[in-house]
Amino acid sequence: MGELILIRHGETEWSRSGRHTSHTDLPLTSLGERQARALVPLIADRKIGLTLVSPALRARRTAELAGLASPRITPDLREWDYGGYEGVTTVEIRRTRPSWNLWTDGVAPGSEEHPGETPAQVGERADRLLTEIRRAAESLGDADIALVAHSHFLRVFTARYLGLTTSGGTLFQLATGAVSRLGTEHGNPVITAWNLTLPESLLHTAAPDPAQSPE
């Protein structure tokens, strides 16, 4: 098995303003699209044998602009269901719950369709995905597996990969349009790179969208 390449989607209007976004299917902003294109040089030297992507538009568009071929839509890569906190910022939540912490307290109940997830439920989903990935890796040799998804879920996934509890995800800040890598050292799970991005001043030089290139 190669490494796991974790990619957080590019910026959206809600990620820019700090609003919790799970099922709300927002597009990338213009900056988010530039961030996604800037992923091309950051993963150009990787041998990626499989790409898994969240069903969300912002993740699928990021994978497309990053040049990741034939991504497999993977429902377990969806973001933490924030329930009643969908679209709400941490600052707003703490006006009524001053000590609120997503990683230990979870979220307020939401609708029947989106009731919210507890930290334990998100951790179970990450464990299920890890099992699926390890099974898929058996046929990929030393090729990497790319996961294009969301901040909180990828942080939970990283914690579980490292053998930490779900709340360990609080230790791993993750920017929009960032690349991270998980691997092994002497058989032990490790972080081999974290939160890699191009400086915003260089984003205008990122690879263009092939669909917009002249013939």
C-alpha atoms as a PDB file:
ATOM      1  CA  MET A   1       0.000   0.000   0.000  1.00  0.00           C
ATOM      2  CA  GLY A   2       1.211   3.480  -0.850  1.00  0.00           C
ATOM      3  CA  GLU A   3       0.126   6.577   1.043  1.00  0.00           C
ATOM      4  CA  LEU A   4      -3.302   8.076   1.637  1.00  0.00           C
ATOM      5  CA  ILE A   5      -3.549  11.502   0.002  1.00  0.00           C
ATOM      6  CA  LEU A   6      -6.112  13.619   1.845  1.00  0.00           C
ATOM      7  CA  ILE A   7      -7.489  16.638  -0.009  1.00  0.00           C
ATOM      8  CA  ARG A   8      -9.869  19.159   1.480  1.00  0.00           C
ATOM      9  CA  HIS A   9     -12.101  20.848  -1.088  1.00  0.00           C
ATOM     10  CA  GLY A  10     -11.517  24.459  -2.101  1.00  0.00           C
ATOM     11  CA  GLU A  11     -13.193  27.464  -0.539  1.00  0.00           C
ATOM     12  CA  THR A  12     -16.975  27.992  -0.566  1.00  0.00           C
ATOM     13  CA  GLU A  13     -18.915  31.012   0.635  1.00  0.00           C
ATOM     14  CA  TRP A  14     -19.730  29.222   3.875  1.00  0.00           C
ATOM     15  CA  SER A  15     -16.221  27.949   4.563  1.00  0.00           C
ATOM     16  CA  ARG A  16     -14.985  31.508   4.064  1.00  0.00           C
ATOM     17  CA  SER A  17     -17.414  32.812   6.697  1.00  0.00           C
ATOM     18  CA  GLY A  18     -16.972  29.871   9.093  1.00  0.00           C
ATOM     19  CA  ARG A  19     -20.493  28.486   8.728  1.00  0.00           C
ATOM     20  CA  HIS A  20     -20.803  24.754   9.402  1.00  0.00           C
ATOM     21  CA  THR A  21     -21.515  23.037   6.072  1.00  0.00           C
ATOM     22  CA  SER A  22     -22.455  19.410   5.715  1.00  0.00           C
ATOM     23  CA  HIS A  23     -25.374  18.603   3.383  1.00  0.00           C
ATOM     24  CA  THR A  24     -25.826  22.137   1.963  1.00  0.00           C
ATOM     25  CA  ASP A  25     -24.411  21.666  -1.532  1.00  0.00           C
ATOM     26  CA  LEU A  26     -22.497  24.866  -2.238  1.00  0.00           C
ATOM     27  CA  PRO A  27     -20.220  25.471  -5.236  1.00  0.00           C
ATOM     28  CA  LEU A  28     -16.626  26.613  -4.959  1.00  0.00           C
ATOM     29  CA  THR A  29     -15.908  30.331  -4.954  1.00  0.00           C
ATOM     30  CA  SER A  30     -13.529  31.718  -7.586  1.00  0.00           C
ATOM     31  CA  LEU A  31     -10.749  31.432  -5.000  1.00  0.00           C
ATOM     32  CA  GLY A  32     -11.853  27.865  -4.274  1.00  0.00           C
ATOM     33  CA  GLU A  33     -11.515  26.998  -7.951  1.00  0.00           C
ATOM     34  CA  ARG A  34      -8.010  28.477  -8.013  1.00  0.00           C
ATOM     35  CA  GLN A  35      -7.143  26.492  -4.892  1.00  0.00           C
ATOM     36  CA  ALA A  36      -8.363  23.305  -6.578  1.00  0.00           C
ATOM     37  CA  ARG A  37      -6.279  23.949  -9.696  1.00  0.00           C
ATOM     38  CA  ALA A  38      -3.269  24.661  -7.466  1.00  0.00           C
ATOM     39  CA  LEU A  39      -3.466  21.072  -6.239  1.00  0.00           C
ATOM     40  CA  VAL A  40      -2.116  19.854  -9.576  1.00  0.00           C
ATOM     41  CA  PRO A  41       1.580  20.545  -8.831  1.00  0.00           C
ATOM     42  CA  LEU A  42       1.178  19.398  -5.225  1.00  0.00           C
ATOM     43  CA  ILE A  43       0.175  15.880  -6.292  1.00  0.00           C
ATOM     44  CA  ALA A  44       1.908  15.685  -9.676  1.00  0.00           C
ATOM     45  CA  ASP A  45       4.638  13.326  -8.465  1.00  0.00           C
ATOM     46  CA  ARG A  46       2.236  10.881  -6.794  1.00  0.00           C
ATOM     47  CA  LYS A  47       1.229   7.532  -8.304  1.00  0.00           C
ATOM     48  CA  ILE A  48      -2.493   7.582  -7.512  1.00  0.00           C
ATOM     49  CA  GLY A  49      -4.239   4.288  -8.174  1.00  0.00           C
ATOM     50  CA  LEU A  50      -7.656   5.149  -6.775  1.00  0.00           C
ATOM     51  CA  THR A  51      -9.547   8.363  -6.015  1.00  0.00           C
ATOM     52  CA  LEU A  52     -12.484   8.416  -3.614  1.00  0.00           C
ATOM     53  CA  VAL A  53     -14.578  11.571  -3.431  1.00  0.00           C
ATOM     54  CA  SER A  54     -17.433  12.854  -1.296  1.00  0.00           C
ATOM     55  CA  PRO A  55     -20.782  13.187  -3.117  1.00  0.00           C
ATOM     56  CA  ALA A  56     -20.805  16.959  -2.426  1.00  0.00           C
ATOM     57  CA  LEU A  57     -20.442  19.287  -5.420  1.00  0.00           C
ATOM     58  CA  ARG A  58     -17.567  21.170  -3.785  1.00  0.00           C
ATOM     59  CA  ALA A  59     -15.553  17.954  -3.409  1.00  0.00           C
ATOM     60  CA  ARG A  60     -16.350  16.603  -6.878  1.00  0.00           C
ATOM     61  CA  ARG A  61     -15.398  19.917  -8.517  1.00  0.00           C
ATOM     62  CA  THR A  62     -12.147  20.014  -6.536  1.00  0.00           C
ATOM     63  CA  ALA A  63     -11.234  16.518  -7.746  1.00  0.00           C
ATOM     64  CA  GLU A  64     -12.033  17.510 -11.332  1.00  0.00           C
ATOM     65  CA  LEU A  65      -9.906  20.668 -11.265  1.00  0.00           C
ATOM     66  CA  ALA A  66      -7.064  18.802  -9.545  1.00  0.00           C
ATOM     67  CA  GLY A  67      -6.934  16.429 -12.501  1.00  0.00           C
ATOM     68  CA  LEU A  68      -7.884  13.309 -10.559  1.00  0.00           C
ATOM     69  CA  ALA A  69      -9.211  10.783 -13.059  1.00  0.00           C
ATOM     70  CA  SER A  70     -12.232   8.515 -12.609  1.00  0.00           C
ATOM     71  CA  PRO A  71     -13.108   9.442  -9.007  1.00  0.00           C
ATOM     72  CA  ARG A  72     -15.369   7.011  -7.156  1.00  0.00           C
ATOM     73  CA  ILE A  73     -18.256   8.729  -5.349  1.00  0.00           C
ATOM     74  CA  THR A  74     -18.076   7.512  -1.744  1.00  0.00           C
ATOM     75  CA  PRO A  75     -20.966   8.420   0.600  1.00  0.00           C
ATOM     76  CA  ASP A  76     -18.914   7.682   3.730  1.00  0.00           C
ATOM     77  CA  LEU A  77     -16.658  10.642   2.814  1.00  0.00           C
ATOM     78  CA  ARG A  78     -19.483  13.128   3.391  1.00  0.00           C
ATOM     79  CA  GLU A  79     -18.958  15.813   6.008  1.00  0.00           C
ATOM     80  CA  TRP A  80     -20.036  15.470   9.660  1.00  0.00           C
ATOM     81  CA  ASP A  81     -23.819  15.939   9.770  1.00  0.00           C
ATOM     82  CA  TYR A  82     -24.147  19.136  11.817  1.00  0.00           C
ATOM     83  CA  GLY A  83     -27.889  18.713  12.413  1.00  0.00           C
ATOM     84  CA  GLY A  84     -29.312  21.908  13.900  1.00  0.00           C
ATOM     85  CA  TYR A  85     -25.972  23.687  13.530  1.00  0.00           C
ATOM     86  CA  GLU A  86     -25.989  23.559   9.733  1.00  0.00           C
ATOM     87  CA  GLY A  87     -25.115  27.033   8.452  1.00  0.00           C
ATOM     88  CA  VAL A  88     -24.270  28.311  11.943  1.00  0.00           C
ATOM     89  CA  THR A  89     -20.837  29.560  13.019  1.00  0.00           C
ATOM     90  CA  THR A  90     -18.996  28.547  16.180  1.00  0.00           C
ATOM     91  CA  VAL A  91     -19.217  32.147  17.426  1.00  0.00           C
ATOM     92  CA  GLU A  92     -23.019  32.056  17.093  1.00  0.00           C
ATOM     93  CA  ILE A  93     -23.292  28.679  18.834  1.00  0.00           C
ATOM     94  CA  ARG A  94     -21.191  29.862  21.775  1.00  0.00           C
ATOM     95  CA  ARG A  95     -23.515  32.794  22.444  1.00  0.00           C
ATOM     96  CA  THR A  96     -25.858  30.272  24.073  1.00  0.00           C
ATOM     97  CA  ARG A  97     -23.357  27.443  24.753  1.00  0.00           C
ATOM     98  CA  PRO A  98     -20.130  29.234  25.758  1.00  0.00           C
ATOM     99  CA  SER A  99     -18.123  26.056  26.332  1.00  0.00           C
ATOM    100  CA  TRP A 100     -19.418  24.169  23.282  1.00  0.00           C
ATOM    101  CA  ASN A 101     -16.885  21.879  21.585  1.00  0.00           C
ATOM    102  CA  LEU A 102     -17.853  19.910  18.475  1.00  0.00           C
ATOM    103  CA  TRP A 103     -15.335  17.177  19.226  1.00  0.00           C
ATOM    104  CA  THR A 104     -16.805  16.269  22.604  1.00  0.00           C
ATOM    105  CA  ASP A 105     -20.313  17.768  22.643  1.00  0.00           C
ATOM    106  CA  GLY A 106     -21.526  16.950  19.137  1.00  0.00           C
ATOM    107  CA  VAL A 107     -24.317  18.975  17.554  1.00  0.00           C
ATOM    108  CA  ALA A 108     -27.888  20.086  18.183  1.00  0.00           C
ATOM    109  CA  PRO A 109     -30.636  17.854  16.758  1.00  0.00           C
ATOM    110  CA  GLY A 110     -31.683  18.705  13.234  1.00  0.00           C
ATOM    111  CA  SER A 111     -34.426  17.619  10.852  1.00  0.00           C
ATOM    112  CA  GLU A 112     -35.569  14.056  10.303  1.00  0.00           C
ATOM    113  CA  GLU A 113     -33.516  13.940   7.102  1.00  0.00           C
ATOM    114  CA  HIS A 114     -30.415  15.470   8.717  1.00  0.00           C
ATOM    115  CA  PRO A 115     -30.642  14.726  12.454  1.00  0.00           C
ATOM    116  CA  GLY A 116     -26.955  15.317  13.170  1.00  0.00           C
ATOM    117  CA  GLU A 117     -24.163  12.903  14.097  1.00  0.00           C
ATOM    118  CA  THR A 118     -22.443  12.278  17.399  1.00  0.00           C
ATOM    119  CA  PRO A 119     -18.632  12.176  17.506  1.00  0.00           C
ATOM    120  CA  ALA A 120     -18.877   8.402  17.987  1.00  0.00           C
ATOM    121  CA  GLN A 121     -21.010   8.003  14.854  1.00  0.00           C
ATOM    122  CA  VAL A 122     -18.538   9.953  12.730  1.00  0.00           C
ATOM    123  CA  GLY A 123     -15.707   7.855  14.159  1.00  0.00           C
ATOM    124  CA  GLU A 124     -17.561   4.659  13.234  1.00  0.00           C
ATOM    125  CA  ARG A 125     -17.993   5.938   9.687  1.00  0.00           C
ATOM    126  CA  ALA A 126     -14.272   6.716   9.464  1.00  0.00           C
ATOM    127  CA  ASP A 127     -13.428   3.217  10.725  1.00  0.00           C
ATOM    128  CA  ARG A 128     -15.732   1.682   8.124  1.00  0.00           C
ATOM    129  CA  LEU A 129     -14.025   3.671   5.382  1.00  0.00           C
ATOM    130  CA  LEU A 130     -10.579   2.675   6.632  1.00  0.00           C
ATOM    131  CA  THR A 131     -11.569  -0.985   6.372  1.00  0.00           C
ATOM    132  CA  GLU A 132     -12.813  -0.424   2.805  1.00  0.00           C
ATOM    133  CA  ILE A 133      -9.608   1.382   1.841  1.00  0.00           C
ATOM    134  CA  ARG A 134      -7.335  -1.300   3.252  1.00  0.00           C
ATOM    135  CA  ARG A 135      -9.279  -3.899   1.302  1.00  0.00           C
ATOM    136  CA  ALA A 136      -8.998  -1.879  -1.919  1.00  0.00           C
ATOM    137  CA  ALA A 137      -5.273  -1.300  -1.365  1.00  0.00           C
ATOM    138  CA  GLU A 138      -4.571  -5.030  -1.634  1.00  0.00           C
ATOM    139  CA  SER A 139      -4.913  -4.818  -5.426  1.00  0.00           C
ATOM    140  CA  LEU A 140      -3.098  -1.487  -5.875  1.00  0.00           C
ATOM    141  CA  GLY A 141       0.432  -2.439  -4.889  1.00  0.00           C
ATOM    142  CA  ASP A 142       2.416   0.638  -3.897  1.00  0.00           C
ATOM    143  CA  ALA A 143       0.008   3.115  -5.529  1.00  0.00           C
ATOM    144  CA  ASP A 144      -1.512   5.898  -3.421  1.00  0.00           C
ATOM    145  CA  ILE A 145      -5.205   6.383  -2.677  1.00  0.00           C
ATOM    146  CA  ALA A 146      -6.599   9.932  -2.818  1.00  0.00           C
ATOM    147  CA  LEU A 147      -9.549  11.042  -0.680  1.00  0.00           C
ATOM    148  CA  VAL A 148     -11.253  14.325  -1.599  1.00  0.00           C
ATOM    149  CA  ALA A 149     -13.572  15.431   1.166  1.00  0.00           C
ATOM    150  CA  HIS A 150     -14.161  17.823   4.050  1.00  0.00           C
ATOM    151  CA  SER A 151     -12.310  19.305   6.990  1.00  0.00           C
ATOM    152  CA  HIS A 152     -13.971  17.729  10.016  1.00  0.00           C
ATOM    153  CA  PHE A 153     -14.422  14.309   8.492  1.00  0.00           C
ATOM    154  CA  LEU A 154     -10.824  14.155   7.248  1.00  0.00           C
ATOM    155  CA  ARG A 155      -9.624  15.195  10.701  1.00  0.00           C
ATOM    156  CA  VAL A 156     -11.658  12.407  12.310  1.00  0.00           C
ATOM    157  CA  PHE A 157     -10.356   9.982   9.674  1.00  0.00           C
ATOM    158  CA  THR A 158      -6.785  10.998  10.459  1.00  0.00           C
ATOM    159  CA  ALA A 159      -7.313  10.519  14.184  1.00  0.00           C
ATOM    160  CA  ARG A 160      -8.726   7.036  13.676  1.00  0.00           C
ATOM    161  CA  TYR A 161      -5.945   6.110  11.229  1.00  0.00           C
ATOM    162  CA  LEU A 162      -3.413   7.045  13.906  1.00  0.00           C
ATOM    163  CA  GLY A 163      -5.265   5.053  16.575  1.00  0.00           C
ATOM    164  CA  LEU A 164      -6.608   8.123  18.391  1.00  0.00           C
ATOM    165  CA  THR A 165     -10.159   8.704  19.566  1.00  0.00           C
ATOM    166  CA  THR A 166     -12.468  10.762  17.376  1.00  0.00           C
ATOM    167  CA  SER A 167     -11.829  13.813  19.563  1.00  0.00           C
ATOM    168  CA  GLY A 168      -8.174  13.623  18.531  1.00  0.00           C
ATOM    169  CA  GLY A 169      -9.247  15.277  15.280  1.00  0.00           C
ATOM    170  CA  THR A 170      -9.187  18.594  17.109  1.00  0.00           C
ATOM    171  CA  LEU A 171      -5.380  18.484  16.852  1.00  0.00           C
ATOM    172  CA  PHE A 172      -5.280  18.667  13.056  1.00  0.00           C
ATOM    173  CA  GLN A 173      -6.132  22.064  11.557  1.00  0.00           C
ATOM    174  CA  LEU A 174      -6.950  21.765   7.864  1.00  0.00           C
ATOM    175  CA  ALA A 175      -7.210  24.602   5.340  1.00  0.00           C
ATOM    176  CA  THR A 176      -9.346  24.702   2.205  1.00  0.00           C
ATOM    177  CA  GLY A 177      -7.546  23.371  -0.841  1.00  0.00           C
ATOM    178  CA  ALA A 178      -4.930  21.615   1.301  1.00  0.00           C
ATOM    179  CA  VAL A 179      -3.128  18.312   0.716  1.00  0.00           C
ATOM    180  CA  SER A 180      -2.021  15.993   3.514  1.00  0.00           C
ATOM    181  CA  ARG A 181      -0.513  12.507   3.457  1.00  0.00           C
ATOM    182  CA  LEU A 182      -0.783   9.507   5.775  1.00  0.00           C
ATOM    183  CA  GLY A 183       1.683   6.638   5.597  1.00  0.00           C
ATOM    184  CA  THR A 184       3.724   4.321   7.773  1.00  0.00           C
ATOM    185  CA  GLU A 185       7.140   4.242   9.401  1.00  0.00           C
ATOM    186  CA  HIS A 186       8.486   0.896  10.582  1.00  0.00           C
ATOM    187  CA  GLY A 187       4.967  -0.473  10.282  1.00  0.00           C
ATOM    188  CA  ASN A 188       3.384   2.257  12.392  1.00  0.00           C
ATOM    189  CA  PRO A 189       0.804   4.753  11.046  1.00  0.00           C
ATOM    190  CA  VAL A 190       2.215   8.285  10.735  1.00  0.00           C
ATOM    191  CA  ILE A 191       1.520  11.663   9.146  1.00  0.00           C
ATOM    192  CA  THR A 192       4.039  12.147   6.344  1.00  0.00           C
ATOM    193  CA  ALA A 193       2.828  15.625   5.301  1.00  0.00           C
ATOM    194  CA  TRP A 194       0.114  17.957   6.541  1.00  0.00           C
ATOM    195  CA  ASN A 195      -1.885  20.949   5.318  1.00  0.00           C
ATOM    196  CA  LEU A 196       0.182  21.697   2.219  1.00  0.00           C
ATOM    197  CA  THR A 197      -1.037  24.584   0.062  1.00  0.00           C
ATOM    198  CA  LEU A 198       0.365  27.076  -2.395  1.00  0.00           C
ATOM    199  CA  PRO A 199       0.606  30.647  -1.066  1.00  0.00           C
ATOM    200  CA  GLU A 200      -2.429  32.671  -2.125  1.00  0.00           C
ATOM    201  CA  SER A 201      -0.114  35.046  -4.013  1.00  0.00           C
ATOM    202  CA  LEU A 202       0.807  32.155  -6.347  1.00  0.00           C
ATOM    203  CA  LEU A 203      -2.687  30.835  -6.988  1.00  0.00           C
ATOM    204  CA  HIS A 204      -3.066  32.854 -10.181  1.00  0.00           C
ATOM    205  CA  THR A 205      -0.230  30.777 -11.675  1.00  0.00           C
ATOM    206  CA  ALA A 206      -1.901  27.444 -10.895  1.00  0.00           C
ATOM    207  CA  ALA A 207      -2.696  25.070 -13.741  1.00  0.00           C
ATOM    208  CA  PRO A 208      -5.688  26.244 -15.839  1.00  0.00           C
ATOM    209  CA  ASP A 209      -8.934  24.341 -16.063  1.00  0.00           C
ATOM    210  CA  PRO A 210      -8.485  22.030 -19.098  1.00  0.00           C
ATOM    211  CA  ALA A 211     -12.129  22.566 -20.035  1.00  0.00           C
ATOM    212  CA  GLN A 212     -11.429  26.291 -20.457  1.00  0.00           C
ATOM    213  CA  SER A 213      -8.252  25.876 -22.527  1.00  0.00           C
ATOM    214  CA  PRO A 214      -8.371  26.825 -26.217  1.00  0.00           C
ATOM    215  CA  GLU A 215      -8.274  23.930 -28.672  1.00  0.00           C
END
